[in-house]
Amino acid sequence: MTPSEPPALTSTLVRQVHGSSAETALAPIPRRAVATLSMAAFLSGLSMRVTDALLPMLTRDFAVSLVQAAHVITAFSVAYGVSQLCFGPVGDRYGKYRVIAWACGVCAVTATLCALARSHDQLVATRLLAGATAAAIIPLSMAWIGDVVPYEQRQPLLARFLIGQILGLSAGVFVGGYAADHWTWRVPFAGLGLGFACVSVALFRVQRRLPARARLRQPGGGHAVRRAVDEFSAVLALPWARAVLLTVFLEGGSVYGAFAFIVTHLNRRFAVDLSSAGAVVMLFGFGGLLFALLSAPLVRRLGERGLVLAGGGLLSTSLAAIGIVPQWGWAAPLCFLAGLGFYMMHNTLQTNATQMAPQRRGAAVSAFAACFFLGQAVGVAGAATLVSRLGTRAALAAGGLGVLAVAVNFARRLTRHPAPSRSVAPASR
């Protein structure tokens, strides 16, 4: 590093290696490495949510039904979830930071193809490709941070990294809505293409300046599919990994099964227009932003178990309360508190995901993300059935009870598996 570079993130790594190898192993990580990853996460989150508010415009421009227009969202989500399983082993094999940089470059291409789509079917196809390529960014970024940052310092740094994703998810709805009112649906995709291209260049520039320990790759050998199967099999063979993966699957189902119907609940019960209800739900992301800003003192004060119990309790209470409040205005602070509680609990799960299989961290974090998205799909399907039979209140109450059960159970597991037993030095391969 040159004297002008920012201070290192991980200068307190335990010095276990001697001589010249110690200097290489302990070379500091520049702050801009994580900041650039956060920029990529922002674009990934924005890409995920930008089409939500564009649906009415798409129905008019392509003369399709609202259900058909929504395929641009479904295609992205399905590809995003399934592709998580592919990028973990790829990141381990070729270097996580390098793969993220290449993924952003390909995202620039797929976003541009979305902007150039001439039919609804073409847009759905290009959104499928966009979801598949964007899937590499966030899980591999988390896994890379797990590789280079000691466990005891990792949770606050992960929270700060996720500020990018949180802001992207919130900004996506606004950008799509503004484009629908003032521009055309093609403009956001063109902007995403340019943004991804710039971030890809920045990532490659940072990657070349990373110390050797931050660019490590696993030696290859054998068939790629066989290697991937071996990677995930090794992760699933670990009892703690199975516990974390099952927990995040249930968390995703409980939280997003209820979350998906908050707008519907406000619209049906209080006759709130959908745009206003959507703006209320956006406060969920700002609750997550507050946690990211306060993560360091919260981690010190509460610890992992305290974060899970407090976050789960806050999230559970907020979801249930949204279903019974007498006026819709109460939903705004409750959505904010629900977001705060969710990120308190989910960030703890993310931190454990980065350490549940240190030798196969890329595959482990990818499996974690895949379970989270699959849980969401199952949860939304189950909640939809519940809404059709018993109404939105029942779905919100069921989600709240599910979150509480997940939080209490995982807190109990954390007691049996304290952090020191999982806190090992970042794996060197």
Foldseek 3Di string as FASTA:
>chain_A
DDPVFADFDAQPPDQPDDDPVSCLLNPGATPVLLVLLLLLLLLLLLLLQQCVQVLVVQCVVQVDDSVLSCLLNVLLLVLLLVLLLVQLQVCQAQPLLLLLLVLLLVLLVLLLQCLVDDHSVSNSVSSNVNSNSSSSRLLSSLLLLLQNHFLVSRLLSNLLSCLSNLNSNLVNHVNNNVCNVPNHNSVVSNVSSVSSNVSSVVSVVSVVVGRPSSGDHDHDDDDSVVVSVVLLVVQVVFPVLVLLLVLLLLLLLLQLLLLVCLLVLCCVPVVDDSVVSVVLLSLLSVLSVVCSVVVVVCCVVQNLLRLLQVLLLLLLVLLLVSLPDPDNVVNNVSSSSNSNSVNSNVSSSSSVQSQSCLVSSSSSSSSSSSSNSNSNVVNNVVSVVVCVPPRSSVSSNSSSVSSNVSSVVVSVVCVVVPPVNRGDRRDGD
